[in-house]
Amino acid sequence: MVETPAADYIDCSIRALETAPDAVIYDVRLSRPEKHNVLPTDTIAALAELIGSIGRTDGDALVVSADGKNFSVGADLADLAPNALEDPAALARGVEDLVLSLRKCPLPVVARVHGCAVSVGFLACLGADLVIASEDAIFSVPEADLGIPIAGFAAPLLPRAIGDHRAREWLFTGAEIGAGSGVRNPCHGA
């Protein structure tokens, strides 16, 4: 049985489907809406650990969603301050662990996205088996605009998902792509 992590900003529950009352659906919700679901390093690690602990016989599906206006606008930038981490590579390893846990989860993983899915939020989507995006969903990897290295698995996974040319545009420019219209929309100041 999966145990809910004792981490801030993650809520986990189990539910059944009306059409399949014996189904076990894990609902994992990012729950820091006042900060647009930015994720501190310890929360990213706890989320990866939670998802990694799910076994094939534990349920039928995993749904990752978020409270508030946005899915997630990324990692908590306070974690990127030089004195905030004893090991500056911890955030990168944590993001990698999160994406791997999503990709290796033995249950189908659905990301239910609304608002902005940026950086870590976007990478979580790349780790999911299926992304269901609302009309207002916006996807972005803004590291190029911020002058920092591209996080985690974006460089190898994104071309597989959308093709080389579009992936290069997104990764090199930090373009924001809207789910509803495919046009760029601003997530800045989320």
Protein backbone atom coordinates (compact mmCIF):
# COMPACT_ATOMS: atom_id res chain seq x y z
CA MET A 1 0.00 0.00 0.00
CA VAL A 2 1.21 3.50 -0.83
CA GLU A 3 1.74 5.91 2.03
CA THR A 4 1.03 9.60 1.61
CA PRO A 5 4.29 11.51 2.05
CA ALA A 6 4.72 13.82 5.00
CA ALA A 7 5.65 16.64 2.62
CA ASP A 8 4.26 20.09 2.30
CA TYR A 9 2.38 20.96 -0.87
CA ILE A 10 1.32 17.42 -1.86
CA ASP A 11 -2.15 15.99 -1.24
CA CYS A 12 -2.86 12.37 -2.05
CA SER A 13 -6.20 10.58 -2.04
CA ILE A 14 -7.75 7.45 -3.49
CA ARG A 15 -11.05 7.29 -5.30
CA ALA A 16 -13.13 4.96 -7.44
CA LEU A 17 -14.84 5.69 -10.73
CA GLU A 18 -18.63 5.87 -10.95
CA THR A 19 -18.51 3.49 -13.90
CA ALA A 20 -16.00 1.17 -12.23
CA PRO A 21 -16.52 1.23 -8.45
CA ASP A 22 -13.77 -1.35 -7.88
CA ALA A 23 -11.16 0.79 -9.66
CA VAL A 24 -8.51 2.43 -7.50
CA ILE A 25 -7.41 5.83 -8.77
CA TYR A 26 -4.64 7.69 -6.99
CA ASP A 27 -5.16 11.43 -7.07
CA VAL A 28 -1.94 13.33 -6.37
CA ARG A 29 -2.45 17.07 -6.16
CA LEU A 30 0.13 19.82 -6.05
CA SER A 31 -1.17 22.05 -3.30
CA ARG A 32 0.64 25.37 -3.07
CA PRO A 33 -1.83 27.55 -4.96
CA GLU A 34 -0.79 30.80 -3.30
CA LYS A 35 2.64 30.37 -4.96
CA HIS A 36 1.29 28.93 -8.24
CA ASN A 37 2.50 25.47 -7.16
CA VAL A 38 6.22 26.20 -7.25
CA LEU A 39 7.89 23.15 -5.78
CA PRO A 40 10.70 23.24 -3.22
CA THR A 41 13.44 20.65 -3.65
CA ASP A 42 12.16 18.52 -0.76
CA THR A 43 8.65 18.45 -2.24
CA ILE A 44 10.01 17.35 -5.63
CA ALA A 45 11.91 14.54 -3.88
CA ALA A 46 8.85 13.51 -1.85
CA LEU A 47 6.69 13.46 -4.98
CA ALA A 48 9.23 11.26 -6.79
CA GLU A 49 9.38 8.94 -3.78
CA LEU A 50 5.58 8.71 -3.56
CA ILE A 51 5.20 7.88 -7.25
CA GLY A 52 8.14 5.48 -7.13
CA SER A 53 6.50 3.57 -4.28
CA ILE A 54 3.40 2.70 -6.32
CA GLY A 55 3.32 -0.93 -7.37
CA ARG A 56 1.33 -2.60 -10.14
CA THR A 57 -1.10 -4.17 -7.67
CA ASP A 58 -1.70 -0.91 -5.78
CA GLY A 59 -4.30 0.47 -8.15
CA ASP A 60 -5.49 1.15 -11.66
CA ALA A 61 -4.29 4.68 -12.50
CA LEU A 62 -2.50 7.75 -11.16
CA VAL A 63 -3.79 11.27 -11.82
CA VAL A 64 -1.53 14.25 -11.13
CA SER A 65 -3.32 17.60 -10.88
CA ALA A 66 -2.99 20.88 -9.00
CA ASP A 67 -4.94 23.30 -6.84
CA GLY A 68 -5.27 26.95 -7.79
CA LYS A 69 -4.74 28.91 -10.97
CA ASN A 70 -1.73 26.98 -12.38
CA PHE A 71 -0.53 23.40 -12.62
CA SER A 72 3.02 24.39 -11.61
CA VAL A 73 5.27 27.27 -12.56
CA GLY A 74 8.39 25.27 -11.72
CA ALA A 75 10.89 24.80 -8.93
CA ASP A 76 11.07 27.22 -6.05
CA LEU A 77 13.74 29.71 -7.17
CA ALA A 78 14.79 30.15 -3.54
CA ASP A 79 16.27 26.65 -3.90
CA LEU A 80 18.52 27.94 -6.67
CA ALA A 81 20.25 30.50 -4.45
CA PRO A 82 23.92 29.53 -3.90
CA ASN A 83 23.54 29.23 -0.13
CA ALA A 84 20.14 27.51 -0.25
CA LEU A 85 21.50 24.09 -1.18
CA GLU A 86 24.50 22.29 0.16
CA ASP A 87 24.56 20.34 -3.10
CA PRO A 88 23.63 22.56 -6.06
CA ALA A 89 22.96 19.51 -8.24
CA ALA A 90 20.26 18.25 -5.85
CA LEU A 91 17.48 20.07 -7.69
CA ALA A 92 18.54 18.60 -11.05
CA ARG A 93 18.72 15.10 -9.55
CA GLY A 94 15.35 15.60 -7.87
CA VAL A 95 13.71 16.65 -11.14
CA GLU A 96 15.32 13.70 -12.92
CA ASP A 97 14.04 11.35 -10.19
CA LEU A 98 10.54 12.81 -10.53
CA VAL A 99 10.41 12.37 -14.31
CA LEU A 100 11.83 8.84 -14.05
CA SER A 101 9.31 7.89 -11.36
CA LEU A 102 6.46 9.07 -13.60
CA ARG A 103 7.83 7.26 -16.65
CA LYS A 104 8.46 4.04 -14.70
CA CYS A 105 5.18 4.04 -12.77
CA PRO A 106 3.48 0.69 -13.45
CA LEU A 107 0.07 2.39 -13.50
CA PRO A 108 -1.10 4.66 -16.32
CA VAL A 109 -0.17 8.24 -15.36
CA VAL A 110 -2.46 11.09 -16.37
CA ALA A 111 -1.43 14.74 -15.92
CA ARG A 112 -4.50 16.97 -15.64
CA VAL A 113 -3.18 20.42 -16.56
CA HIS A 114 -4.69 23.87 -16.29
CA GLY A 115 -2.98 27.25 -16.33
CA CYS A 116 0.79 27.25 -16.60
CA ALA A 117 2.93 24.10 -16.73
CA VAL A 118 6.43 25.57 -16.65
CA SER A 119 9.87 23.99 -16.04
CA VAL A 120 9.32 21.23 -13.46
CA GLY A 121 5.57 21.38 -14.17
CA PHE A 122 6.27 20.92 -17.87
CA LEU A 123 8.74 18.09 -17.22
CA ALA A 124 6.14 16.29 -15.10
CA CYS A 125 3.89 16.40 -18.16
CA LEU A 126 6.66 14.83 -20.27
CA GLY A 127 6.86 12.02 -17.72
CA ALA A 128 3.12 11.28 -17.86
CA ASP A 129 1.56 8.73 -20.20
CA LEU A 130 -1.29 11.09 -21.07
CA VAL A 131 -1.75 14.84 -20.66
CA ILE A 132 -5.24 16.25 -20.51
CA ALA A 133 -4.97 20.00 -20.88
CA SER A 134 -7.67 22.61 -20.39
CA GLU A 135 -8.12 25.34 -22.99
CA ASP A 136 -6.16 27.76 -20.74
CA ALA A 137 -3.14 25.46 -20.34
CA ILE A 138 0.23 26.91 -21.32
CA PHE A 139 3.42 24.85 -21.60
CA SER A 140 6.92 26.30 -21.43
CA VAL A 141 10.57 25.56 -20.71
CA PRO A 142 11.80 29.12 -19.96
CA GLU A 143 15.33 28.25 -18.91
CA ALA A 144 16.76 29.80 -22.10
CA ASP A 145 15.11 33.13 -21.19
CA LEU A 146 16.48 32.87 -17.66
CA GLY A 147 20.03 32.05 -18.78
CA ILE A 148 20.17 28.77 -16.88
CA PRO A 149 20.75 25.22 -18.18
CA ILE A 150 17.73 23.33 -19.45
CA ALA A 151 16.40 21.17 -16.65
CA GLY A 152 16.22 17.43 -16.45
CA PHE A 153 14.89 15.43 -19.33
CA ALA A 154 13.53 18.25 -21.51
CA ALA A 155 16.27 18.03 -24.12
CA PRO A 156 15.96 14.28 -24.88
CA LEU A 157 12.22 13.83 -24.24
CA LEU A 158 10.66 16.85 -25.92
CA PRO A 159 11.87 16.02 -29.48
CA ARG A 160 10.31 12.57 -29.14
CA ALA A 161 7.01 14.11 -28.14
CA ILE A 162 6.72 17.00 -30.63
CA GLY A 163 9.52 16.60 -33.18
CA ASP A 164 13.03 18.04 -33.45
CA HIS A 165 12.23 21.39 -35.06
CA ARG A 166 9.47 22.41 -32.65
CA ALA A 167 11.46 21.10 -29.68
CA ARG A 168 14.45 23.25 -30.61
CA GLU A 169 12.20 26.30 -30.90
CA TRP A 170 10.71 25.67 -27.45
CA LEU A 171 14.03 24.87 -25.78
CA PHE A 172 16.11 27.62 -27.40
CA THR A 173 13.55 30.43 -27.11
CA GLY A 174 11.54 29.61 -23.98
CA ALA A 175 8.38 29.89 -26.10
CA GLU A 176 5.07 29.59 -24.29
CA ILE A 177 2.63 27.37 -26.16
CA GLY A 178 -1.08 27.44 -25.42
CA ALA A 179 -2.99 24.15 -25.44
CA GLY A 180 -6.21 25.59 -26.86
CA SER A 181 -4.95 27.53 -29.81
CA GLY A 182 -1.31 26.53 -30.10
CA VAL A 183 -0.34 30.21 -29.94
CA ARG A 184 2.08 31.72 -27.50
CA ASN A 185 0.52 33.15 -24.38
CA PRO A 186 2.22 34.89 -21.49
CA CYS A 187 2.75 32.95 -18.25
CA HIS A 188 5.01 35.65 -16.89
CA GLY A 189 3.82 37.11 -13.62
CA ALA A 190 1.70 34.01 -12.94
